[in-house]
Amino acid sequence: MSQPQDPAHGISSLTYAQVAAAAENLEQRGAEPTLARVLELLGTGSPNIAQRHLGTWRDARTAPEPPAPRLPAALIDALERQLAAQAERGLSEGQRLADEARADASTLAEIGEALERRNVELEQRLEQAERERQAAGERGNTLQSERDDLRDKLEREQQLARESQEALVQHRQQVAMLREQLEEAQQARLAAERETRGIEEERIKAERAQAVAESQRDGALEQAREKAEQIGQLKREMQEERARQRQEITEMRAEQKARLDAVERAKQEAQKQAQEAAQRATKAEIRAEALQATQSALKSRMDAMQVQQRQRGMRSQGERD
């Protein structure tokens, strides 16, 4: 898929069709179509142009329909209201962050393309300076000084690019950690739902057992009045058992609520860490005033946008479940 390019035309040789084909190829293999993987598959091209095309490709895709909810709404009505309110707030926040990330990505892509054109211009100026030095020996000292200055500027930009690349690796590690935390929170929520179903099944079994016991008690009263005292004792024992079962159900529901609260705190902590990672990425953009620093900041913000989109999808899934 790679296309050969020279310094003068490399920034414009990458097309949307190439980027879309590479992203679909990666997705068919089961790999996440990130910017780094797309560029590695293509073998060449501007990261800024590739990022812009990759964003367009993602926006054009249709989000899959989530599975239908399976839990009875009447059994956990209060819990659903709480989760729905929290999911709505999270969805609004995720949408806002996604819109900001798209706007930032578009702006940074334009800046990156401008800086790439500037690098091409600097390379051309170096070549022109070399030709002028060879053609006009009397101007050699002046041209040599200009060439050295340009080379020093390129070396500084390359140094900034290496530093930004290291910052990108750290940000990706932080994003991976946040993804693991979100997956753990999702698993905890599913476990809590399974326990809720188990509690409800136990309650139904207890009620059925109580109904059977009451039926047997009524039959015994009708058949033999002389056993009234024994039946009264049985009734008291059943009432005590019923009170004990209600107490156990109350305690299990309290424990379930505590676990759900812990899941919610974990989700909020993950969101906080994601925001802090985005802020650190913004600081890295300010420090990197050259081409590669801006490219690194763009990748970090796009990764943050993907995390926020996954969080929104997970919260929507939790609301429907």
C-alpha atoms as a PDB file:
ATOM      1  CA  MET A   1       0.000   0.000   0.000  1.00  0.00           C
ATOM      2  CA  SER A   2       2.972   2.328   0.514  1.00  0.00           C
ATOM      3  CA  GLN A   3       3.585   5.080  -2.041  1.00  0.00           C
ATOM      4  CA  PRO A   4       7.077   6.475  -2.773  1.00  0.00           C
ATOM      5  CA  GLN A   5       7.461  10.143  -2.032  1.00  0.00           C
ATOM      6  CA  ASP A   6      10.102  12.834  -2.255  1.00  0.00           C
ATOM      7  CA  PRO A   7      10.592  15.745   0.211  1.00  0.00           C
ATOM      8  CA  ALA A   8       8.636  18.148  -1.916  1.00  0.00           C
ATOM      9  CA  HIS A   9       5.536  16.026  -2.366  1.00  0.00           C
ATOM     10  CA  GLY A  10       5.475  13.567   0.629  1.00  0.00           C
ATOM     11  CA  ILE A  11       2.952  15.509   2.649  1.00  0.00           C
ATOM     12  CA  SER A  12       0.242  15.360  -0.020  1.00  0.00           C
ATOM     13  CA  SER A  13       0.726  11.801  -1.431  1.00  0.00           C
ATOM     14  CA  LEU A  14      -1.421  10.058   1.231  1.00  0.00           C
ATOM     15  CA  THR A  15      -5.120   9.683   0.259  1.00  0.00           C
ATOM     16  CA  TYR A  16      -8.251   8.899   2.254  1.00  0.00           C
ATOM     17  CA  ALA A  17      -8.733   5.654   0.305  1.00  0.00           C
ATOM     18  CA  GLN A  18      -5.287   4.391   1.382  1.00  0.00           C
ATOM     19  CA  VAL A  19      -5.897   5.221   5.054  1.00  0.00           C
ATOM     20  CA  ALA A  20      -9.413   3.709   5.030  1.00  0.00           C
ATOM     21  CA  ALA A  21      -8.156   0.508   3.359  1.00  0.00           C
ATOM     22  CA  ALA A  22      -5.367   0.157   5.922  1.00  0.00           C
ATOM     23  CA  ALA A  23      -7.765   0.746   8.850  1.00  0.00           C
ATOM     24  CA  GLU A  24     -10.244  -1.838   7.536  1.00  0.00           C
ATOM     25  CA  ASN A  25      -7.384  -4.314   6.996  1.00  0.00           C
ATOM     26  CA  LEU A  26      -6.276  -3.904  10.632  1.00  0.00           C
ATOM     27  CA  GLU A  27      -9.845  -4.225  11.913  1.00  0.00           C
ATOM     28  CA  GLN A  28     -10.364  -7.465   9.960  1.00  0.00           C
ATOM     29  CA  ARG A  29      -7.256  -8.867  11.636  1.00  0.00           C
ATOM     30  CA  GLY A  30      -8.739  -8.044  15.059  1.00  0.00           C
ATOM     31  CA  ALA A  31      -6.300  -5.151  15.741  1.00  0.00           C
ATOM     32  CA  GLU A  32      -7.319  -1.626  16.820  1.00  0.00           C
ATOM     33  CA  PRO A  33      -6.749   0.720  13.814  1.00  0.00           C
ATOM     34  CA  THR A  34      -4.566   3.285  15.615  1.00  0.00           C
ATOM     35  CA  LEU A  35      -2.559   5.966  13.815  1.00  0.00           C
ATOM     36  CA  ALA A  36       0.740   4.221  14.523  1.00  0.00           C
ATOM     37  CA  ARG A  37      -0.498   0.882  13.116  1.00  0.00           C
ATOM     38  CA  VAL A  38      -1.973   2.505  10.016  1.00  0.00           C
ATOM     39  CA  LEU A  39       1.306   4.336   9.273  1.00  0.00           C
ATOM     40  CA  GLU A  40       3.272   1.147   9.899  1.00  0.00           C
ATOM     41  CA  LEU A  41       1.071  -0.775   7.466  1.00  0.00           C
ATOM     42  CA  LEU A  42       1.269   1.950   4.808  1.00  0.00           C
ATOM     43  CA  GLY A  43       5.017   2.394   5.298  1.00  0.00           C
ATOM     44  CA  THR A  44       5.008   6.133   4.518  1.00  0.00           C
ATOM     45  CA  GLY A  45       2.927   9.313   4.620  1.00  0.00           C
ATOM     46  CA  SER A  46       2.261  12.355   6.791  1.00  0.00           C
ATOM     47  CA  PRO A  47       0.996  11.481  10.306  1.00  0.00           C
ATOM     48  CA  ASN A  48      -1.148  14.627  10.318  1.00  0.00           C
ATOM     49  CA  ILE A  49      -2.871  13.839   7.011  1.00  0.00           C
ATOM     50  CA  ALA A  50      -3.214  10.180   8.042  1.00  0.00           C
ATOM     51  CA  GLN A  51      -4.814  11.237  11.359  1.00  0.00           C
ATOM     52  CA  ARG A  52      -7.301  13.492   9.585  1.00  0.00           C
ATOM     53  CA  HIS A  53      -8.309  10.726   7.157  1.00  0.00           C
ATOM     54  CA  LEU A  54      -8.503   8.200  10.021  1.00  0.00           C
ATOM     55  CA  GLY A  55     -10.834  10.521  11.968  1.00  0.00           C
ATOM     56  CA  THR A  56     -13.077  10.890   8.898  1.00  0.00           C
ATOM     57  CA  TRP A  57     -13.141   7.096   8.497  1.00  0.00           C
ATOM     58  CA  ARG A  58     -14.157   6.587  12.157  1.00  0.00           C
ATOM     59  CA  ASP A  59     -16.893   9.256  11.964  1.00  0.00           C
ATOM     60  CA  ALA A  60     -18.377   7.554   8.871  1.00  0.00           C
ATOM     61  CA  ARG A  61     -18.796   4.223  10.624  1.00  0.00           C
ATOM     62  CA  THR A  62     -22.135   3.249  12.197  1.00  0.00           C
ATOM     63  CA  ALA A  63     -22.028   2.372  15.890  1.00  0.00           C
ATOM     64  CA  PRO A  64     -23.284  -1.211  16.602  1.00  0.00           C
ATOM     65  CA  GLU A  65     -26.645  -1.651  18.208  1.00  0.00           C
ATOM     66  CA  PRO A  66     -26.239  -2.547  21.906  1.00  0.00           C
ATOM     67  CA  PRO A  67     -27.890  -5.762  23.163  1.00  0.00           C
ATOM     68  CA  ALA A  68     -31.345  -5.502  24.678  1.00  0.00           C
ATOM     69  CA  PRO A  69     -31.513  -5.223  28.500  1.00  0.00           C
ATOM     70  CA  ARG A  70     -32.105  -8.492  30.315  1.00  0.00           C
ATOM     71  CA  LEU A  71     -32.698  -7.532  33.960  1.00  0.00           C
ATOM     72  CA  PRO A  72     -36.288  -7.023  35.216  1.00  0.00           C
ATOM     73  CA  ALA A  73     -36.734  -3.297  35.724  1.00  0.00           C
ATOM     74  CA  ALA A  74     -39.190  -3.749  38.603  1.00  0.00           C
ATOM     75  CA  LEU A  75     -36.640  -5.610  40.731  1.00  0.00           C
ATOM     76  CA  ILE A  76     -33.874  -2.956  40.630  1.00  0.00           C
ATOM     77  CA  ASP A  77     -35.878   0.148  39.801  1.00  0.00           C
ATOM     78  CA  ALA A  78     -34.093   2.402  42.272  1.00  0.00           C
ATOM     79  CA  LEU A  79     -30.697   1.170  41.095  1.00  0.00           C
ATOM     80  CA  GLU A  80     -31.582   1.776  37.451  1.00  0.00           C
ATOM     81  CA  ARG A  81     -32.635   5.360  38.173  1.00  0.00           C
ATOM     82  CA  GLN A  82     -29.355   6.055  39.881  1.00  0.00           C
ATOM     83  CA  LEU A  83     -27.293   4.437  37.112  1.00  0.00           C
ATOM     84  CA  ALA A  84     -29.343   6.211  34.429  1.00  0.00           C
ATOM     85  CA  ALA A  85     -28.692   9.610  36.017  1.00  0.00           C
ATOM     86  CA  GLN A  86     -24.988   8.902  36.337  1.00  0.00           C
ATOM     87  CA  ALA A  87     -24.787   7.530  32.794  1.00  0.00           C
ATOM     88  CA  GLU A  88     -26.534  10.629  31.438  1.00  0.00           C
ATOM     89  CA  ARG A  89     -24.035  12.899  33.146  1.00  0.00           C
ATOM     90  CA  GLY A  90     -21.150  10.753  31.924  1.00  0.00           C
ATOM     91  CA  LEU A  91     -22.560  10.696  28.390  1.00  0.00           C
ATOM     92  CA  SER A  92     -22.830  14.494  28.292  1.00  0.00           C
ATOM     93  CA  GLU A  93     -19.299  14.880  29.612  1.00  0.00           C
ATOM     94  CA  GLY A  94     -17.960  12.286  27.159  1.00  0.00           C
ATOM     95  CA  GLN A  95     -19.693  14.011  24.251  1.00  0.00           C
ATOM     96  CA  ARG A  96     -18.258  17.362  25.283  1.00  0.00           C
ATOM     97  CA  LEU A  97     -14.740  15.951  25.564  1.00  0.00           C
ATOM     98  CA  ALA A  98     -15.127  14.172  22.219  1.00  0.00           C
ATOM     99  CA  ASP A  99     -16.206  17.432  20.529  1.00  0.00           C
ATOM    100  CA  GLU A 100     -13.260  19.274  22.072  1.00  0.00           C
ATOM    101  CA  ALA A 101     -10.885  16.504  21.004  1.00  0.00           C
ATOM    102  CA  ARG A 102     -12.202  16.618  17.418  1.00  0.00           C
ATOM    103  CA  ALA A 103     -11.769  20.396  17.300  1.00  0.00           C
ATOM    104  CA  ASP A 104      -8.262  20.143  18.768  1.00  0.00           C
ATOM    105  CA  ALA A 105      -7.359  17.326  16.379  1.00  0.00           C
ATOM    106  CA  SER A 106      -8.451  19.353  13.365  1.00  0.00           C
ATOM    107  CA  THR A 107      -6.490  22.415  14.507  1.00  0.00           C
ATOM    108  CA  LEU A 108      -3.382  20.416  15.361  1.00  0.00           C
ATOM    109  CA  ALA A 109      -3.530  18.568  12.046  1.00  0.00           C
ATOM    110  CA  GLU A 110      -3.516  21.906  10.202  1.00  0.00           C
ATOM    111  CA  ILE A 111      -0.584  23.127  12.318  1.00  0.00           C
ATOM    112  CA  GLY A 112       1.265  19.855  11.714  1.00  0.00           C
ATOM    113  CA  GLU A 113       0.791  20.111   7.952  1.00  0.00           C
ATOM    114  CA  ALA A 114       2.070  23.687   8.018  1.00  0.00           C
ATOM    115  CA  LEU A 115       5.137  22.607   9.982  1.00  0.00           C
ATOM    116  CA  GLU A 116       5.763  19.772   7.549  1.00  0.00           C
ATOM    117  CA  ARG A 117       5.671  22.229   4.681  1.00  0.00           C
ATOM    118  CA  ARG A 118       8.095  24.376   6.640  1.00  0.00           C
ATOM    119  CA  ASN A 119      10.471  21.402   6.987  1.00  0.00           C
ATOM    120  CA  VAL A 120      10.271  20.800   3.246  1.00  0.00           C
ATOM    121  CA  GLU A 121      11.067  24.461   2.662  1.00  0.00           C
ATOM    122  CA  LEU A 122      14.045  24.243   5.030  1.00  0.00           C
ATOM    123  CA  GLU A 123      15.365  21.195   3.172  1.00  0.00           C
ATOM    124  CA  GLN A 124      14.998  23.029  -0.121  1.00  0.00           C
ATOM    125  CA  ARG A 125      16.812  26.045   1.288  1.00  0.00           C
ATOM    126  CA  LEU A 126      19.672  23.795   2.404  1.00  0.00           C
ATOM    127  CA  GLU A 127      19.979  22.350  -1.075  1.00  0.00           C
ATOM    128  CA  GLN A 128      19.837  25.807  -2.638  1.00  0.00           C
ATOM    129  CA  ALA A 129      22.507  27.055  -0.236  1.00  0.00           C
ATOM    130  CA  GLU A 130      24.786  24.158  -1.188  1.00  0.00           C
ATOM    131  CA  ARG A 131      24.368  24.892  -4.905  1.00  0.00           C
ATOM    132  CA  GLU A 132      25.076  28.572  -4.349  1.00  0.00           C
ATOM    133  CA  ARG A 133      28.198  27.732  -2.339  1.00  0.00           C
ATOM    134  CA  GLN A 134      29.527  25.560  -5.138  1.00  0.00           C
ATOM    135  CA  ALA A 135      28.600  28.071  -7.859  1.00  0.00           C
ATOM    136  CA  ALA A 136      29.875  31.186  -6.076  1.00  0.00           C
ATOM    137  CA  GLY A 137      33.044  30.535  -4.084  1.00  0.00           C
ATOM    138  CA  GLU A 138      33.323  34.189  -3.028  1.00  0.00           C
ATOM    139  CA  ARG A 139      30.048  33.812  -1.062  1.00  0.00           C
ATOM    140  CA  GLY A 140      31.059  30.479   0.477  1.00  0.00           C
ATOM    141  CA  ASN A 141      31.518  31.690   4.053  1.00  0.00           C
ATOM    142  CA  THR A 142      28.109  33.374   4.180  1.00  0.00           C
ATOM    143  CA  LEU A 143      26.299  30.390   2.681  1.00  0.00           C
ATOM    144  CA  GLN A 144      28.164  27.983   4.975  1.00  0.00           C
ATOM    145  CA  SER A 145      27.003  29.933   8.032  1.00  0.00           C
ATOM    146  CA  GLU A 146      23.406  29.940   6.792  1.00  0.00           C
ATOM    147  CA  ARG A 147      23.495  26.213   6.127  1.00  0.00           C
ATOM    148  CA  ASP A 148      24.918  25.493   9.597  1.00  0.00           C
ATOM    149  CA  ASP A 149      22.164  27.570  11.201  1.00  0.00           C
ATOM    150  CA  LEU A 150      19.517  25.688   9.309  1.00  0.00           C
ATOM    151  CA  ARG A 151      21.089  22.350  10.243  1.00  0.00           C
ATOM    152  CA  ASP A 152      21.176  23.354  13.919  1.00  0.00           C
ATOM    153  CA  LYS A 153      17.510  24.291  13.754  1.00  0.00           C
ATOM    154  CA  LEU A 154      16.655  20.902  12.233  1.00  0.00           C
ATOM    155  CA  GLU A 155      18.664  19.122  14.924  1.00  0.00           C
ATOM    156  CA  ARG A 156      16.802  21.007  17.642  1.00  0.00           C
ATOM    157  CA  GLU A 157      13.497  20.076  16.065  1.00  0.00           C
ATOM    158  CA  GLN A 158      14.583  16.444  15.856  1.00  0.00           C
ATOM    159  CA  GLN A 159      15.560  16.515  19.543  1.00  0.00           C
ATOM    160  CA  LEU A 160      12.155  17.942  20.422  1.00  0.00           C
ATOM    161  CA  ALA A 161      10.556  15.217  18.318  1.00  0.00           C
ATOM    162  CA  ARG A 162      12.442  12.490  20.232  1.00  0.00           C
ATOM    163  CA  GLU A 163      11.397  13.986  23.571  1.00  0.00           C
ATOM    164  CA  SER A 164       7.792  14.166  22.405  1.00  0.00           C
ATOM    165  CA  GLN A 165       7.947  10.538  21.275  1.00  0.00           C
ATOM    166  CA  GLU A 166       9.001   9.509  24.785  1.00  0.00           C
ATOM    167  CA  ALA A 167       6.102  11.507  26.237  1.00  0.00           C
ATOM    168  CA  LEU A 168       3.760   9.725  23.799  1.00  0.00           C
ATOM    169  CA  VAL A 169       4.920   6.311  25.058  1.00  0.00           C
ATOM    170  CA  GLN A 170       4.204   7.368  28.653  1.00  0.00           C
ATOM    171  CA  HIS A 171       0.740   8.672  27.719  1.00  0.00           C
ATOM    172  CA  ARG A 172      -0.098   5.443  25.904  1.00  0.00           C
ATOM    173  CA  GLN A 173       0.911   3.440  28.973  1.00  0.00           C
ATOM    174  CA  GLN A 174      -1.387   5.595  31.112  1.00  0.00           C
ATOM    175  CA  VAL A 175      -4.258   5.112  28.641  1.00  0.00           C
ATOM    176  CA  ALA A 176      -3.697   1.322  28.694  1.00  0.00           C
ATOM    177  CA  MET A 177      -3.857   1.381  32.505  1.00  0.00           C
ATOM    178  CA  LEU A 178      -7.110   3.375  32.396  1.00  0.00           C
ATOM    179  CA  ARG A 179      -8.592   0.880  29.937  1.00  0.00           C
ATOM    180  CA  GLU A 180      -7.758  -1.992  32.297  1.00  0.00           C
ATOM    181  CA  GLN A 181      -9.394  -0.142  35.193  1.00  0.00           C
ATOM    182  CA  LEU A 182     -12.537   0.463  33.145  1.00  0.00           C
ATOM    183  CA  GLU A 183     -12.688  -3.223  32.195  1.00  0.00           C
ATOM    184  CA  GLU A 184     -12.355  -4.200  35.872  1.00  0.00           C
ATOM    185  CA  ALA A 185     -15.162  -1.796  36.786  1.00  0.00           C
ATOM    186  CA  GLN A 186     -17.375  -3.312  34.072  1.00  0.00           C
ATOM    187  CA  GLN A 187     -16.667  -6.837  35.334  1.00  0.00           C
ATOM    188  CA  ALA A 188     -17.481  -5.770  38.894  1.00  0.00           C
ATOM    189  CA  ARG A 189     -20.793  -4.290  37.708  1.00  0.00           C
ATOM    190  CA  LEU A 190     -21.690  -7.531  35.886  1.00  0.00           C
ATOM    191  CA  ALA A 191     -20.793  -9.558  38.991  1.00  0.00           C
ATOM    192  CA  ALA A 192     -23.024  -7.288  41.081  1.00  0.00           C
ATOM    193  CA  GLU A 193     -25.906  -7.834  38.668  1.00  0.00           C
ATOM    194  CA  ARG A 194     -25.435 -11.615  38.863  1.00  0.00           C
ATOM    195  CA  GLU A 195     -25.531 -11.438  42.651  1.00  0.00           C
ATOM    196  CA  THR A 196     -28.696  -9.343  42.464  1.00  0.00           C
ATOM    197  CA  ARG A 197     -30.358 -12.036  40.345  1.00  0.00           C
ATOM    198  CA  GLY A 198     -29.206 -14.685  42.826  1.00  0.00           C
ATOM    199  CA  ILE A 199     -30.722 -12.742  45.724  1.00  0.00           C
ATOM    200  CA  GLU A 200     -34.019 -12.411  43.885  1.00  0.00           C
ATOM    201  CA  GLU A 201     -34.100 -16.153  43.112  1.00  0.00           C
ATOM    202  CA  GLU A 202     -33.470 -16.952  46.771  1.00  0.00           C
ATOM    203  CA  ARG A 203     -36.273 -14.579  47.792  1.00  0.00           C
ATOM    204  CA  ILE A 204     -38.691 -16.277  45.373  1.00  0.00           C
ATOM    205  CA  LYS A 205     -37.706 -19.690  46.695  1.00  0.00           C
ATOM    206  CA  ALA A 206     -38.259 -18.519  50.270  1.00  0.00           C
ATOM    207  CA  GLU A 207     -41.698 -17.126  49.430  1.00  0.00           C
ATOM    208  CA  ARG A 208     -42.684 -20.369  47.711  1.00  0.00           C
ATOM    209  CA  ALA A 209     -41.483 -22.396  50.685  1.00  0.00           C
ATOM    210  CA  GLN A 210     -43.453 -20.123  53.000  1.00  0.00           C
ATOM    211  CA  ALA A 211     -46.590 -20.506  50.868  1.00  0.00           C
ATOM    212  CA  VAL A 212     -46.248 -24.304  50.981  1.00  0.00           C
ATOM    213  CA  ALA A 213     -45.739 -24.221  54.734  1.00  0.00           C
ATOM    214  CA  GLU A 214     -48.797 -22.027  55.263  1.00  0.00           C
ATOM    215  CA  SER A 215     -50.889 -24.347  53.102  1.00  0.00           C
ATOM    216  CA  GLN A 216     -49.774 -27.345  55.133  1.00  0.00           C
ATOM    217  CA  ARG A 217     -50.535 -25.462  58.329  1.00  0.00           C
ATOM    218  CA  ASP A 218     -54.097 -24.622  57.213  1.00  0.00           C
ATOM    219  CA  GLY A 219     -54.722 -28.236  56.226  1.00  0.00           C
ATOM    220  CA  ALA A 220     -53.510 -29.481  59.575  1.00  0.00           C
ATOM    221  CA  LEU A 221     -55.837 -27.059  61.396  1.00  0.00           C
ATOM    222  CA  GLU A 222     -58.842 -28.297  59.449  1.00  0.00           C
ATOM    223  CA  GLN A 223     -58.014 -32.008  59.906  1.00  0.00           C
ATOM    224  CA  ALA A 224     -57.147 -31.935  63.585  1.00  0.00           C
ATOM    225  CA  ARG A 225     -57.999 -29.105  65.978  1.00  0.00           C
ATOM    226  CA  GLU A 226     -56.261 -30.989  68.744  1.00  0.00           C
ATOM    227  CA  LYS A 227     -52.904 -30.182  67.082  1.00  0.00           C
ATOM    228  CA  ALA A 228     -53.527 -26.427  67.319  1.00  0.00           C
ATOM    229  CA  GLU A 229     -50.743 -25.910  69.781  1.00  0.00           C
ATOM    230  CA  GLN A 230     -48.215 -27.701  67.575  1.00  0.00           C
ATOM    231  CA  ILE A 231     -49.354 -25.752  64.527  1.00  0.00           C
ATOM    232  CA  GLY A 232     -49.104 -22.478  66.498  1.00  0.00           C
ATOM    233  CA  GLN A 233     -45.542 -23.356  67.372  1.00  0.00           C
ATOM    234  CA  LEU A 234     -44.847 -24.148  63.717  1.00  0.00           C
ATOM    235  CA  LYS A 235     -46.296 -20.791  62.719  1.00  0.00           C
ATOM    236  CA  ARG A 236     -44.059 -18.939  65.148  1.00  0.00           C
ATOM    237  CA  GLU A 237     -41.036 -20.784  63.853  1.00  0.00           C
ATOM    238  CA  MET A 238     -41.975 -19.948  60.272  1.00  0.00           C
ATOM    239  CA  GLN A 239     -42.421 -16.292  61.173  1.00  0.00           C
ATOM    240  CA  GLU A 240     -39.017 -16.269  62.784  1.00  0.00           C
ATOM    241  CA  GLU A 241     -37.564 -17.928  59.687  1.00  0.00           C
ATOM    242  CA  ARG A 242     -39.284 -15.418  57.452  1.00  0.00           C
ATOM    243  CA  ALA A 243     -37.921 -12.537  59.541  1.00  0.00           C
ATOM    244  CA  ARG A 244     -34.472 -14.079  59.333  1.00  0.00           C
ATOM    245  CA  GLN A 245     -34.753 -14.432  55.551  1.00  0.00           C
ATOM    246  CA  ARG A 246     -35.891 -10.814  55.204  1.00  0.00           C
ATOM    247  CA  GLN A 247     -32.940  -9.725  57.335  1.00  0.00           C
ATOM    248  CA  GLU A 248     -30.559 -11.717  55.139  1.00  0.00           C
ATOM    249  CA  ILE A 249     -32.084 -10.206  51.988  1.00  0.00           C
ATOM    250  CA  THR A 250     -31.748  -6.715  53.498  1.00  0.00           C
ATOM    251  CA  GLU A 251     -28.122  -7.365  54.360  1.00  0.00           C
ATOM    252  CA  MET A 252     -27.384  -8.772  50.893  1.00  0.00           C
ATOM    253  CA  ARG A 253     -29.004  -5.731  49.252  1.00  0.00           C
ATOM    254  CA  ALA A 254     -26.932  -3.407  51.448  1.00  0.00           C
ATOM    255  CA  GLU A 255     -23.791  -5.301  50.460  1.00  0.00           C
ATOM    256  CA  GLN A 256     -24.844  -5.111  46.810  1.00  0.00           C
ATOM    257  CA  LYS A 257     -25.305  -1.342  47.098  1.00  0.00           C
ATOM    258  CA  ALA A 258     -21.862  -0.985  48.669  1.00  0.00           C
ATOM    259  CA  ARG A 259     -20.311  -2.914  45.782  1.00  0.00           C
ATOM    260  CA  LEU A 260     -22.124  -0.810  43.214  1.00  0.00           C
ATOM    261  CA  ASP A 261     -20.918   2.340  45.011  1.00  0.00           C
ATOM    262  CA  ALA A 262     -17.360   0.981  44.825  1.00  0.00           C
ATOM    263  CA  VAL A 263     -17.812   0.331  41.093  1.00  0.00           C
ATOM    264  CA  GLU A 264     -19.031   3.890  40.601  1.00  0.00           C
ATOM    265  CA  ARG A 265     -16.069   5.303  42.520  1.00  0.00           C
ATOM    266  CA  ALA A 266     -13.721   3.250  40.346  1.00  0.00           C
ATOM    267  CA  LYS A 267     -15.425   4.632  37.232  1.00  0.00           C
ATOM    268  CA  GLN A 268     -15.099   8.201  38.515  1.00  0.00           C
ATOM    269  CA  GLU A 269     -11.433   7.651  39.357  1.00  0.00           C
ATOM    270  CA  ALA A 270     -10.815   6.276  35.871  1.00  0.00           C
ATOM    271  CA  GLN A 271     -12.486   9.341  34.341  1.00  0.00           C
ATOM    272  CA  LYS A 272     -10.389  11.624  36.563  1.00  0.00           C
ATOM    273  CA  GLN A 273      -7.170   9.885  35.521  1.00  0.00           C
ATOM    274  CA  ALA A 274      -8.205  10.105  31.857  1.00  0.00           C
ATOM    275  CA  GLN A 275      -8.708  13.873  32.241  1.00  0.00           C
ATOM    276  CA  GLU A 276      -5.342  14.200  33.981  1.00  0.00           C
ATOM    277  CA  ALA A 277      -3.688  12.263  31.143  1.00  0.00           C
ATOM    278  CA  ALA A 278      -5.322  14.635  28.639  1.00  0.00           C
ATOM    279  CA  GLN A 279      -4.035  17.639  30.630  1.00  0.00           C
ATOM    280  CA  ARG A 280      -0.520  16.188  30.656  1.00  0.00           C
ATOM    281  CA  ALA A 281      -0.777  15.699  26.896  1.00  0.00           C
ATOM    282  CA  THR A 282      -1.725  19.401  26.552  1.00  0.00           C
ATOM    283  CA  LYS A 283       1.359  20.405  28.574  1.00  0.00           C
ATOM    284  CA  ALA A 284       3.505  18.250  26.279  1.00  0.00           C
ATOM    285  CA  GLU A 285       2.043  20.136  23.272  1.00  0.00           C
ATOM    286  CA  ILE A 286       3.039  23.494  24.823  1.00  0.00           C
ATOM    287  CA  ARG A 287       6.628  22.336  25.437  1.00  0.00           C
ATOM    288  CA  ALA A 288       7.013  20.875  21.953  1.00  0.00           C
ATOM    289  CA  GLU A 289       6.996  23.922  19.659  1.00  0.00           C
ATOM    290  CA  ALA A 290       8.271  22.059  16.618  1.00  0.00           C
ATOM    291  CA  LEU A 291       6.861  19.517  14.180  1.00  0.00           C
ATOM    292  CA  GLN A 292       7.227  16.198  16.017  1.00  0.00           C
ATOM    293  CA  ALA A 293       6.030  17.693  19.368  1.00  0.00           C
ATOM    294  CA  THR A 294       2.802  18.845  17.711  1.00  0.00           C
ATOM    295  CA  GLN A 295       2.360  15.424  16.089  1.00  0.00           C
ATOM    296  CA  SER A 296       2.843  13.696  19.446  1.00  0.00           C
ATOM    297  CA  ALA A 297       0.290  15.956  21.127  1.00  0.00           C
ATOM    298  CA  LEU A 298      -2.204  15.210  18.330  1.00  0.00           C
ATOM    299  CA  LYS A 299      -1.823  11.450  18.814  1.00  0.00           C
ATOM    300  CA  SER A 300      -2.242  11.781  22.583  1.00  0.00           C
ATOM    301  CA  ARG A 301      -5.474  13.766  22.244  1.00  0.00           C
ATOM    302  CA  MET A 302      -6.880  11.318  19.680  1.00  0.00           C
ATOM    303  CA  ASP A 303      -6.110   8.409  22.047  1.00  0.00           C
ATOM    304  CA  ALA A 304      -7.877  10.313  24.834  1.00  0.00           C
ATOM    305  CA  MET A 305     -10.893  10.784  22.545  1.00  0.00           C
ATOM    306  CA  GLN A 306     -10.998   7.018  21.888  1.00  0.00           C
ATOM    307  CA  VAL A 307     -10.948   6.320  25.625  1.00  0.00           C
ATOM    308  CA  GLN A 308     -13.810   8.761  26.240  1.00  0.00           C
ATOM    309  CA  GLN A 309     -15.831   7.182  23.416  1.00  0.00           C
ATOM    310  CA  ARG A 310     -15.319   3.710  24.890  1.00  0.00           C
ATOM    311  CA  GLN A 311     -16.340   4.996  28.319  1.00  0.00           C
ATOM    312  CA  ARG A 312     -19.489   6.468  26.849  1.00  0.00           C
ATOM    313  CA  GLY A 313     -20.271   3.147  25.136  1.00  0.00           C
ATOM    314  CA  MET A 314     -19.668   1.213  28.358  1.00  0.00           C
ATOM    315  CA  ARG A 315     -21.875   3.550  30.383  1.00  0.00           C
ATOM    316  CA  SER A 316     -24.610   3.292  27.761  1.00  0.00           C
ATOM    317  CA  GLN A 317     -24.292  -0.490  27.939  1.00  0.00           C
ATOM    318  CA  GLY A 318     -24.546  -0.357  31.726  1.00  0.00           C
ATOM    319  CA  GLU A 319     -27.670   1.768  31.536  1.00  0.00           C
ATOM    320  CA  ARG A 320     -29.381  -0.670  29.157  1.00  0.00           C
ATOM    321  CA  ASP A 321     -28.317  -3.701  31.189  1.00  0.00           C
END
